[in-house]
Amino acid sequence: MYDTIHTKIFSNGNYKNDIKYTLELNRFFFRLLGIWPYTKMNFPYLENLKRVSLILVFYFLLFCDFVPTILYVFIEEKDVRIKIKLVGPMIVTFVSIVKYIDLMLSNNQIKCCLARVDNDWRNVADMDARDSMVNKAKIGRRMVMLCAAFMYLSGLFFRTVMPLSKKKIVTAQNLTIRHLPCPAYFVFFDVQASPAYEIVFFIQFFSGFVKYTITIAICSLAALFAMHICAQLEILMASMNNLVNERDVKNLGKRLALTVEHQIRTRE
C-alpha cells in the first residue's frame, strides 16, 4: 500500500511528459476536427484561420452527405423498404452534425476539465500516485486506439469495399448504375456521369471519415476523464487506508484534512 498524502509537496519532475502522454491521442483527434481548446500562442491568427477552415470544410462534407440522401429518399427512391433502410444512415449523419456542434459549444467546458486533469498531474501526491495515474492513462489510450481501429476499419470497409464490390446495374435504357457508399440525388447534375460520380464518391468517403473521427474524439474524451477519475479514486482509497493505519496523532489531523480535500476535488 502506498502513502499518497504527504505533508510535504511532491514535485512531479515528469509532469510535462506525463501530461503529453495522457492527452496525446485526444489532442490528435480534436486537432483533426479543428476544435482542440488550446491554440499555439506564437501564431494565433494562422491557427484560428486553420481551425475555421477545417470546421467549414467538415460541415460542407457532412451536409454533402446528409442533404443528397434526404433528396434521394423523398424524390428518387420509390421502394418503401429501401427508404426505411436509408433512415439509419441519415440519422447517423444528423447525429454526427449535432455532436460536432455540441463539441464546439462545449469547448470552454472541455478546456476547464482538461485544466483539472493538468492540475492533478502537476500536483501529484507521490511516485506511487503517479504510477497509478500512468497505469490508468495507459488503459485509456488502449481504449481510444481500439475504438479508432474499429471505427476506421469498419468505415473503410463500408465506404469503399462494399460499394466497389457490388455489381454495376444496367437499366433497360442501357444506362450503367454504379453504387455509391450512400445513395444520393443531385438536382443540378447526373451523379452517374464522370467525373461527377468519382467526386461524389470521394466526398462521401471523406464525410464518413469526419463522422468516424467525431465519434472517436468523443470516446477519447470519455476514456480520458473516466480513467482519470478511476486513478483519483484509487489514490483516495489508498490515502484513507493510510489514514486508518496512522499511528502519529500529530499527523492524523493533517492527513484527514488532505484526504477530505482530495475527496472534494475528486467529486467536483
C-alpha atoms as a PDB file:
ATOM      1  CA  MET A   1       0.000   0.000   0.000  1.00  0.00           C
ATOM      2  CA  TYR A   2       1.399   3.344  -0.942  1.00  0.00           C
ATOM      3  CA  ASP A   3       1.394   6.549   1.015  1.00  0.00           C
ATOM      4  CA  THR A   4      -0.409   9.118  -1.110  1.00  0.00           C
ATOM      5  CA  ILE A   5      -0.926  12.027   1.275  1.00  0.00           C
ATOM      6  CA  HIS A   6       2.147  13.844   2.456  1.00  0.00           C
ATOM      7  CA  THR A   7       2.529  16.980   4.464  1.00  0.00           C
ATOM      8  CA  LYS A   8       5.340  17.939   2.098  1.00  0.00           C
ATOM      9  CA  ILE A   9       4.668  18.832  -1.501  1.00  0.00           C
ATOM     10  CA  PHE A  10       5.945  16.307  -4.026  1.00  0.00           C
ATOM     11  CA  SER A  11       7.265  17.795  -7.262  1.00  0.00           C
ATOM     12  CA  ASN A  12       6.428  15.747 -10.342  1.00  0.00           C
ATOM     13  CA  GLY A  13       9.572  16.028 -12.417  1.00  0.00           C
ATOM     14  CA  ASN A  14       7.925  14.066 -15.240  1.00  0.00           C
ATOM     15  CA  TYR A  15       4.926  16.397 -15.405  1.00  0.00           C
ATOM     16  CA  LYS A  16       5.443  17.592 -18.998  1.00  0.00           C
ATOM     17  CA  ASN A  17       5.983  14.096 -20.375  1.00  0.00           C
ATOM     18  CA  ASP A  18       3.085  12.715 -18.323  1.00  0.00           C
ATOM     19  CA  ILE A  19       0.529  15.271 -19.475  1.00  0.00           C
ATOM     20  CA  LYS A  20       1.754  14.994 -23.073  1.00  0.00           C
ATOM     21  CA  TYR A  21       1.382  11.216 -22.940  1.00  0.00           C
ATOM     22  CA  THR A  22      -2.071  11.451 -21.346  1.00  0.00           C
ATOM     23  CA  LEU A  23      -3.525  13.971 -23.810  1.00  0.00           C
ATOM     24  CA  GLU A  24      -1.669  12.883 -26.945  1.00  0.00           C
ATOM     25  CA  LEU A  25      -4.496  10.968 -28.627  1.00  0.00           C
ATOM     26  CA  ASN A  26      -7.163  13.451 -27.538  1.00  0.00           C
ATOM     27  CA  ARG A  27      -5.101  16.285 -28.968  1.00  0.00           C
ATOM     28  CA  PHE A  28      -4.597  14.399 -32.235  1.00  0.00           C
ATOM     29  CA  PHE A  29      -8.282  13.699 -32.928  1.00  0.00           C
ATOM     30  CA  PHE A  30      -9.531  17.074 -31.738  1.00  0.00           C
ATOM     31  CA  ARG A  31      -6.978  18.855 -33.908  1.00  0.00           C
ATOM     32  CA  LEU A  32      -8.139  16.802 -36.876  1.00  0.00           C
ATOM     33  CA  LEU A  33     -11.584  18.293 -36.272  1.00  0.00           C
ATOM     34  CA  GLY A  34     -10.199  21.786 -35.664  1.00  0.00           C
ATOM     35  CA  ILE A  35     -11.693  22.045 -32.161  1.00  0.00           C
ATOM     36  CA  TRP A  36      -8.760  21.438 -29.798  1.00  0.00           C
ATOM     37  CA  PRO A  37      -9.296  24.002 -26.979  1.00  0.00           C
ATOM     38  CA  TYR A  38      -5.658  25.104 -26.851  1.00  0.00           C
ATOM     39  CA  THR A  39      -4.062  27.072 -29.684  1.00  0.00           C
ATOM     40  CA  LYS A  40      -0.437  27.907 -30.362  1.00  0.00           C
ATOM     41  CA  MET A  41       0.243  31.370 -28.990  1.00  0.00           C
ATOM     42  CA  ASN A  42       3.085  32.064 -31.459  1.00  0.00           C
ATOM     43  CA  PHE A  43       0.737  32.308 -34.448  1.00  0.00           C
ATOM     44  CA  PRO A  44      -2.808  32.656 -33.063  1.00  0.00           C
ATOM     45  CA  TYR A  45      -4.209  34.245 -36.238  1.00  0.00           C
ATOM     46  CA  LEU A  46      -2.966  31.459 -38.516  1.00  0.00           C
ATOM     47  CA  GLU A  47      -4.086  28.823 -36.028  1.00  0.00           C
ATOM     48  CA  ASN A  48      -7.597  30.286 -35.828  1.00  0.00           C
ATOM     49  CA  LEU A  49      -7.747  30.568 -39.624  1.00  0.00           C
ATOM     50  CA  LYS A  50      -6.777  26.915 -39.911  1.00  0.00           C
ATOM     51  CA  ARG A  51      -9.410  25.904 -37.360  1.00  0.00           C
ATOM     52  CA  VAL A  52     -12.196  27.846 -39.085  1.00  0.00           C
ATOM     53  CA  SER A  53     -11.198  26.432 -42.476  1.00  0.00           C
ATOM     54  CA  LEU A  54     -11.250  22.865 -41.168  1.00  0.00           C
ATOM     55  CA  ILE A  55     -14.626  23.343 -39.495  1.00  0.00           C
ATOM     56  CA  LEU A  56     -16.185  24.820 -42.654  1.00  0.00           C
ATOM     57  CA  VAL A  57     -14.786  22.031 -44.833  1.00  0.00           C
ATOM     58  CA  PHE A  58     -16.062  19.356 -42.453  1.00  0.00           C
ATOM     59  CA  TYR A  59     -19.538  20.889 -42.283  1.00  0.00           C
ATOM     60  CA  PHE A  60     -19.554  21.021 -46.079  1.00  0.00           C
ATOM     61  CA  LEU A  61     -18.676  17.318 -46.241  1.00  0.00           C
ATOM     62  CA  LEU A  62     -21.309  16.365 -43.670  1.00  0.00           C
ATOM     63  CA  PHE A  63     -24.081  18.291 -45.409  1.00  0.00           C
ATOM     64  CA  CYS A  64     -22.984  16.948 -48.812  1.00  0.00           C
ATOM     65  CA  ASP A  65     -23.635  13.511 -47.359  1.00  0.00           C
ATOM     66  CA  PHE A  66     -26.832  14.376 -45.490  1.00  0.00           C
ATOM     67  CA  VAL A  67     -28.861  16.525 -47.905  1.00  0.00           C
ATOM     68  CA  PRO A  68     -28.475  14.404 -51.099  1.00  0.00           C
ATOM     69  CA  THR A  69     -29.543  11.292 -49.185  1.00  0.00           C
ATOM     70  CA  ILE A  70     -32.694  13.067 -47.995  1.00  0.00           C
ATOM     71  CA  LEU A  71     -33.428  14.167 -51.573  1.00  0.00           C
ATOM     72  CA  TYR A  72     -32.883  10.618 -52.789  1.00  0.00           C
ATOM     73  CA  VAL A  73     -35.338   9.218 -50.240  1.00  0.00           C
ATOM     74  CA  PHE A  74     -38.097  11.739 -50.947  1.00  0.00           C
ATOM     75  CA  ILE A  75     -37.625  12.316 -54.691  1.00  0.00           C
ATOM     76  CA  GLU A  76     -35.798   9.446 -56.384  1.00  0.00           C
ATOM     77  CA  GLU A  77     -36.493   6.247 -54.439  1.00  0.00           C
ATOM     78  CA  LYS A  78     -39.968   4.687 -54.710  1.00  0.00           C
ATOM     79  CA  ASP A  79     -39.431   1.467 -52.741  1.00  0.00           C
ATOM     80  CA  VAL A  80     -40.656   1.926 -49.157  1.00  0.00           C
ATOM     81  CA  ARG A  81     -38.347  -0.786 -47.787  1.00  0.00           C
ATOM     82  CA  ILE A  82     -35.265   0.929 -49.198  1.00  0.00           C
ATOM     83  CA  LYS A  83     -36.475   4.255 -47.805  1.00  0.00           C
ATOM     84  CA  ILE A  84     -36.732   2.706 -44.347  1.00  0.00           C
ATOM     85  CA  LYS A  85     -33.223   1.232 -44.681  1.00  0.00           C
ATOM     86  CA  LEU A  86     -31.824   4.666 -45.514  1.00  0.00           C
ATOM     87  CA  VAL A  87     -33.302   6.200 -42.361  1.00  0.00           C
ATOM     88  CA  GLY A  88     -30.414   4.693 -40.355  1.00  0.00           C
ATOM     89  CA  PRO A  89     -27.575   6.365 -42.329  1.00  0.00           C
ATOM     90  CA  MET A  90     -29.466   9.659 -42.316  1.00  0.00           C
ATOM     91  CA  ILE A  91     -29.853   9.540 -38.534  1.00  0.00           C
ATOM     92  CA  VAL A  92     -26.150   8.720 -38.115  1.00  0.00           C
ATOM     93  CA  THR A  93     -25.155  11.718 -40.238  1.00  0.00           C
ATOM     94  CA  PHE A  94     -27.603  14.023 -38.464  1.00  0.00           C
ATOM     95  CA  VAL A  95     -26.370  12.889 -35.039  1.00  0.00           C
ATOM     96  CA  SER A  96     -22.768  13.450 -36.155  1.00  0.00           C
ATOM     97  CA  ILE A  97     -23.617  17.027 -37.139  1.00  0.00           C
ATOM     98  CA  VAL A  98     -25.289  17.600 -33.761  1.00  0.00           C
ATOM     99  CA  LYS A  99     -22.326  16.067 -31.893  1.00  0.00           C
ATOM    100  CA  TYR A 100     -19.893  18.260 -33.830  1.00  0.00           C
ATOM    101  CA  ILE A 101     -21.903  21.364 -32.938  1.00  0.00           C
ATOM    102  CA  ASP A 102     -22.105  20.257 -29.303  1.00  0.00           C
ATOM    103  CA  LEU A 103     -18.331  19.749 -29.128  1.00  0.00           C
ATOM    104  CA  MET A 104     -17.816  23.277 -30.424  1.00  0.00           C
ATOM    105  CA  LEU A 105     -20.309  24.778 -27.975  1.00  0.00           C
ATOM    106  CA  SER A 106     -18.764  22.811 -25.087  1.00  0.00           C
ATOM    107  CA  ASN A 107     -15.234  23.927 -25.940  1.00  0.00           C
ATOM    108  CA  ASN A 108     -14.820  26.055 -22.809  1.00  0.00           C
ATOM    109  CA  GLN A 109     -16.172  23.315 -20.534  1.00  0.00           C
ATOM    110  CA  ILE A 110     -13.810  20.787 -22.111  1.00  0.00           C
ATOM    111  CA  LYS A 111     -10.948  23.225 -21.602  1.00  0.00           C
ATOM    112  CA  CYS A 112     -11.817  23.571 -17.902  1.00  0.00           C
ATOM    113  CA  CYS A 113     -11.931  19.784 -17.463  1.00  0.00           C
ATOM    114  CA  LEU A 114      -8.583  19.394 -19.215  1.00  0.00           C
ATOM    115  CA  ALA A 115      -7.169  22.068 -16.920  1.00  0.00           C
ATOM    116  CA  ARG A 116      -8.270  19.984 -13.916  1.00  0.00           C
ATOM    117  CA  VAL A 117      -6.511  16.941 -15.362  1.00  0.00           C
ATOM    118  CA  ASP A 118      -3.424  19.056 -15.969  1.00  0.00           C
ATOM    119  CA  ASN A 119      -3.534  20.348 -12.393  1.00  0.00           C
ATOM    120  CA  ASP A 120      -3.802  16.829 -10.962  1.00  0.00           C
ATOM    121  CA  TRP A 121      -0.735  15.756 -12.913  1.00  0.00           C
ATOM    122  CA  ARG A 122       1.168  18.850 -11.832  1.00  0.00           C
ATOM    123  CA  ASN A 123       0.316  18.323  -8.137  1.00  0.00           C
ATOM    124  CA  VAL A 124       0.536  14.528  -7.977  1.00  0.00           C
ATOM    125  CA  ALA A 125       0.993  13.384  -4.367  1.00  0.00           C
ATOM    126  CA  ASP A 126       3.951  10.999  -4.750  1.00  0.00           C
ATOM    127  CA  MET A 127       5.543   8.482  -7.108  1.00  0.00           C
ATOM    128  CA  ASP A 128       3.062   5.749  -6.225  1.00  0.00           C
ATOM    129  CA  ALA A 129       0.153   8.047  -7.001  1.00  0.00           C
ATOM    130  CA  ARG A 130       1.857   8.978 -10.275  1.00  0.00           C
ATOM    131  CA  ASP A 131       2.243   5.297 -11.158  1.00  0.00           C
ATOM    132  CA  SER A 132      -1.470   4.780 -10.562  1.00  0.00           C
ATOM    133  CA  MET A 133      -2.330   7.707 -12.844  1.00  0.00           C
ATOM    134  CA  VAL A 134       0.073   6.487 -15.538  1.00  0.00           C
ATOM    135  CA  ASN A 135      -1.456   2.994 -15.469  1.00  0.00           C
ATOM    136  CA  LYS A 136      -4.959   4.394 -15.869  1.00  0.00           C
ATOM    137  CA  ALA A 137      -3.757   6.700 -18.655  1.00  0.00           C
ATOM    138  CA  LYS A 138      -2.373   3.646 -20.476  1.00  0.00           C
ATOM    139  CA  ILE A 139      -5.737   1.900 -20.192  1.00  0.00           C
ATOM    140  CA  GLY A 140      -7.466   4.995 -21.549  1.00  0.00           C
ATOM    141  CA  ARG A 141      -5.080   5.134 -24.515  1.00  0.00           C
ATOM    142  CA  ARG A 142      -5.692   1.467 -25.317  1.00  0.00           C
ATOM    143  CA  MET A 143      -9.444   2.069 -25.270  1.00  0.00           C
ATOM    144  CA  VAL A 144      -9.079   5.006 -27.666  1.00  0.00           C
ATOM    145  CA  MET A 145      -6.807   3.069 -30.038  1.00  0.00           C
ATOM    146  CA  LEU A 146      -9.241   0.146 -30.040  1.00  0.00           C
ATOM    147  CA  CYS A 147     -12.141   2.490 -30.783  1.00  0.00           C
ATOM    148  CA  ALA A 148     -10.192   4.216 -33.577  1.00  0.00           C
ATOM    149  CA  ALA A 149      -9.158   0.914 -35.169  1.00  0.00           C
ATOM    150  CA  PHE A 150     -12.731  -0.404 -35.076  1.00  0.00           C
ATOM    151  CA  MET A 151     -14.295   2.792 -36.446  1.00  0.00           C
ATOM    152  CA  TYR A 152     -11.803   3.437 -39.240  1.00  0.00           C
ATOM    153  CA  LEU A 153     -11.505  -0.185 -40.412  1.00  0.00           C
ATOM    154  CA  SER A 154     -15.259  -0.769 -40.419  1.00  0.00           C
ATOM    155  CA  GLY A 155     -15.770   2.625 -42.058  1.00  0.00           C
ATOM    156  CA  LEU A 156     -13.190   1.838 -44.736  1.00  0.00           C
ATOM    157  CA  PHE A 157     -14.998  -1.420 -45.488  1.00  0.00           C
ATOM    158  CA  PHE A 158     -18.422   0.245 -45.603  1.00  0.00           C
ATOM    159  CA  ARG A 159     -17.323   3.276 -47.631  1.00  0.00           C
ATOM    160  CA  THR A 160     -15.056   1.590 -50.194  1.00  0.00           C
ATOM    161  CA  VAL A 161     -15.116  -2.222 -50.259  1.00  0.00           C
ATOM    162  CA  MET A 162     -18.895  -2.653 -50.154  1.00  0.00           C
ATOM    163  CA  PRO A 163     -19.887  -0.173 -52.897  1.00  0.00           C
ATOM    164  CA  LEU A 164     -16.986  -1.127 -55.190  1.00  0.00           C
ATOM    165  CA  SER A 165     -17.611  -4.862 -54.789  1.00  0.00           C
ATOM    166  CA  LYS A 166     -21.260  -4.606 -55.831  1.00  0.00           C
ATOM    167  CA  LYS A 167     -22.046  -5.360 -59.454  1.00  0.00           C
ATOM    168  CA  LYS A 168     -22.982  -2.481 -61.719  1.00  0.00           C
ATOM    169  CA  ILE A 169     -26.633  -2.303 -62.721  1.00  0.00           C
ATOM    170  CA  VAL A 170     -27.540  -1.920 -66.410  1.00  0.00           C
ATOM    171  CA  THR A 171     -31.026  -0.485 -66.953  1.00  0.00           C
ATOM    172  CA  ALA A 172     -33.400  -1.160 -69.840  1.00  0.00           C
ATOM    173  CA  GLN A 173     -32.246   2.131 -71.373  1.00  0.00           C
ATOM    174  CA  ASN A 174     -28.677   0.734 -71.401  1.00  0.00           C
ATOM    175  CA  LEU A 175     -27.586   3.066 -68.590  1.00  0.00           C
ATOM    176  CA  THR A 176     -24.956   1.814 -66.151  1.00  0.00           C
ATOM    177  CA  ILE A 177     -25.684   2.489 -62.476  1.00  0.00           C
ATOM    178  CA  ARG A 178     -22.622   2.493 -60.225  1.00  0.00           C
ATOM    179  CA  HIS A 179     -23.040   2.179 -56.475  1.00  0.00           C
ATOM    180  CA  LEU A 180     -22.095   4.914 -54.023  1.00  0.00           C
ATOM    181  CA  PRO A 181     -21.321   4.473 -50.307  1.00  0.00           C
ATOM    182  CA  CYS A 182     -24.681   6.178 -49.666  1.00  0.00           C
ATOM    183  CA  PRO A 183     -27.422   6.651 -52.276  1.00  0.00           C
ATOM    184  CA  ALA A 184     -27.671  10.298 -53.291  1.00  0.00           C
ATOM    185  CA  TYR A 185     -29.702  12.531 -55.586  1.00  0.00           C
ATOM    186  CA  PHE A 186     -28.422  15.807 -57.021  1.00  0.00           C
ATOM    187  CA  VAL A 187     -30.747  18.258 -58.716  1.00  0.00           C
ATOM    188  CA  PHE A 188     -28.248  20.003 -60.973  1.00  0.00           C
ATOM    189  CA  PHE A 189     -26.194  17.109 -62.380  1.00  0.00           C
ATOM    190  CA  ASP A 190     -26.245  13.370 -63.027  1.00  0.00           C
ATOM    191  CA  VAL A 191     -24.285  11.635 -60.293  1.00  0.00           C
ATOM    192  CA  GLN A 192     -23.584   8.621 -62.546  1.00  0.00           C
ATOM    193  CA  ALA A 193     -21.718  10.658 -65.140  1.00  0.00           C
ATOM    194  CA  SER A 194     -17.945  11.026 -64.867  1.00  0.00           C
ATOM    195  CA  PRO A 195     -16.269  12.829 -63.185  1.00  0.00           C
ATOM    196  CA  ALA A 196     -19.335  13.616 -61.022  1.00  0.00           C
ATOM    197  CA  TYR A 197     -19.509  10.039 -59.750  1.00  0.00           C
ATOM    198  CA  GLU A 198     -15.848   9.988 -58.698  1.00  0.00           C
ATOM    199  CA  ILE A 199     -16.127  13.380 -56.988  1.00  0.00           C
ATOM    200  CA  VAL A 200     -19.263  12.388 -55.056  1.00  0.00           C
ATOM    201  CA  PHE A 201     -17.663   9.053 -54.134  1.00  0.00           C
ATOM    202  CA  PHE A 202     -14.642  10.776 -52.583  1.00  0.00           C
ATOM    203  CA  ILE A 203     -16.832  13.377 -50.852  1.00  0.00           C
ATOM    204  CA  GLN A 204     -18.876  10.604 -49.243  1.00  0.00           C
ATOM    205  CA  PHE A 205     -15.697   8.751 -48.283  1.00  0.00           C
ATOM    206  CA  PHE A 206     -14.236  11.784 -46.503  1.00  0.00           C
ATOM    207  CA  SER A 207     -17.622  12.594 -44.987  1.00  0.00           C
ATOM    208  CA  GLY A 208     -17.536   9.152 -43.396  1.00  0.00           C
ATOM    209  CA  PHE A 209     -14.009   9.859 -42.161  1.00  0.00           C
ATOM    210  CA  VAL A 210     -15.294  13.028 -40.454  1.00  0.00           C
ATOM    211  CA  LYS A 211     -18.185  11.164 -38.811  1.00  0.00           C
ATOM    212  CA  TYR A 212     -15.902   8.435 -37.507  1.00  0.00           C
ATOM    213  CA  THR A 213     -13.406  10.982 -36.211  1.00  0.00           C
ATOM    214  CA  ILE A 214     -16.157  12.838 -34.327  1.00  0.00           C
ATOM    215  CA  THR A 215     -17.201   9.587 -32.638  1.00  0.00           C
ATOM    216  CA  ILE A 216     -13.598   8.691 -31.788  1.00  0.00           C
ATOM    217  CA  ALA A 217     -12.937  12.174 -30.376  1.00  0.00           C
ATOM    218  CA  ILE A 218     -15.943  11.886 -28.051  1.00  0.00           C
ATOM    219  CA  CYS A 219     -14.921   8.371 -26.975  1.00  0.00           C
ATOM    220  CA  SER A 220     -11.355   9.560 -26.352  1.00  0.00           C
ATOM    221  CA  LEU A 221     -12.655  12.318 -24.100  1.00  0.00           C
ATOM    222  CA  ALA A 222     -14.875   9.887 -22.192  1.00  0.00           C
ATOM    223  CA  ALA A 223     -11.991   7.421 -21.780  1.00  0.00           C
ATOM    224  CA  LEU A 224      -9.631  10.162 -20.602  1.00  0.00           C
ATOM    225  CA  PHE A 225     -11.952  11.514 -17.916  1.00  0.00           C
ATOM    226  CA  ALA A 226     -13.245   8.095 -16.798  1.00  0.00           C
ATOM    227  CA  MET A 227      -9.746   6.665 -16.339  1.00  0.00           C
ATOM    228  CA  HIS A 228      -8.517   9.854 -14.667  1.00  0.00           C
ATOM    229  CA  ILE A 229     -11.364   9.687 -12.147  1.00  0.00           C
ATOM    230  CA  CYS A 230     -10.581   6.000 -11.536  1.00  0.00           C
ATOM    231  CA  ALA A 231      -6.980   6.950 -10.758  1.00  0.00           C
ATOM    232  CA  GLN A 232      -8.080   9.706  -8.375  1.00  0.00           C
ATOM    233  CA  LEU A 233     -10.461   7.338  -6.581  1.00  0.00           C
ATOM    234  CA  GLU A 234      -7.698   4.757  -6.280  1.00  0.00           C
ATOM    235  CA  ILE A 235      -5.429   7.393  -4.760  1.00  0.00           C
ATOM    236  CA  LEU A 236      -8.230   8.438  -2.410  1.00  0.00           C
ATOM    237  CA  MET A 237      -8.804   4.848  -1.256  1.00  0.00           C
ATOM    238  CA  ALA A 238      -5.102   4.424  -0.557  1.00  0.00           C
ATOM    239  CA  SER A 239      -4.983   7.666   1.413  1.00  0.00           C
ATOM    240  CA  MET A 240      -7.987   6.594   3.510  1.00  0.00           C
ATOM    241  CA  ASN A 241      -6.305   3.273   4.276  1.00  0.00           C
ATOM    242  CA  ASN A 242      -3.166   5.115   5.296  1.00  0.00           C
ATOM    243  CA  LEU A 243      -5.299   7.378   7.471  1.00  0.00           C
ATOM    244  CA  VAL A 244      -6.678   4.361   9.338  1.00  0.00           C
ATOM    245  CA  ASN A 245      -3.181   2.979   9.846  1.00  0.00           C
ATOM    246  CA  GLU A 246      -1.728   6.297  11.023  1.00  0.00           C
ATOM    247  CA  ARG A 247      -0.156   6.000  14.492  1.00  0.00           C
ATOM    248  CA  ASP A 248       1.170   9.534  14.855  1.00  0.00           C
ATOM    249  CA  VAL A 249      -1.573  11.667  16.426  1.00  0.00           C
ATOM    250  CA  LYS A 250       0.114  14.893  15.280  1.00  0.00           C
ATOM    251  CA  ASN A 251      -0.108  13.935  11.601  1.00  0.00           C
ATOM    252  CA  LEU A 252      -3.607  12.492  11.882  1.00  0.00           C
ATOM    253  CA  GLY A 253      -5.372  15.856  11.595  1.00  0.00           C
ATOM    254  CA  LYS A 254      -3.297  16.923   8.608  1.00  0.00           C
ATOM    255  CA  ARG A 255      -3.854  13.615   6.857  1.00  0.00           C
ATOM    256  CA  LEU A 256      -7.588  13.818   7.478  1.00  0.00           C
ATOM    257  CA  ALA A 257      -7.752  17.367   6.091  1.00  0.00           C
ATOM    258  CA  LEU A 258      -5.772  16.418   2.979  1.00  0.00           C
ATOM    259  CA  THR A 259      -7.884  13.310   2.442  1.00  0.00           C
ATOM    260  CA  VAL A 260     -11.126  15.297   2.670  1.00  0.00           C
ATOM    261  CA  GLU A 261      -9.694  17.944   0.340  1.00  0.00           C
ATOM    262  CA  HIS A 262      -8.762  15.271  -2.197  1.00  0.00           C
ATOM    263  CA  GLN A 263     -12.233  13.743  -1.940  1.00  0.00           C
ATOM    264  CA  ILE A 264     -13.913  17.099  -2.571  1.00  0.00           C
ATOM    265  CA  ARG A 265     -11.624  17.758  -5.528  1.00  0.00           C
ATOM    266  CA  THR A 266     -12.412  14.339  -6.999  1.00  0.00           C
ATOM    267  CA  ARG A 267     -16.181  14.793  -6.636  1.00  0.00           C
ATOM    268  CA  GLU A 268     -16.044  18.187  -8.316  1.00  0.00           C
END
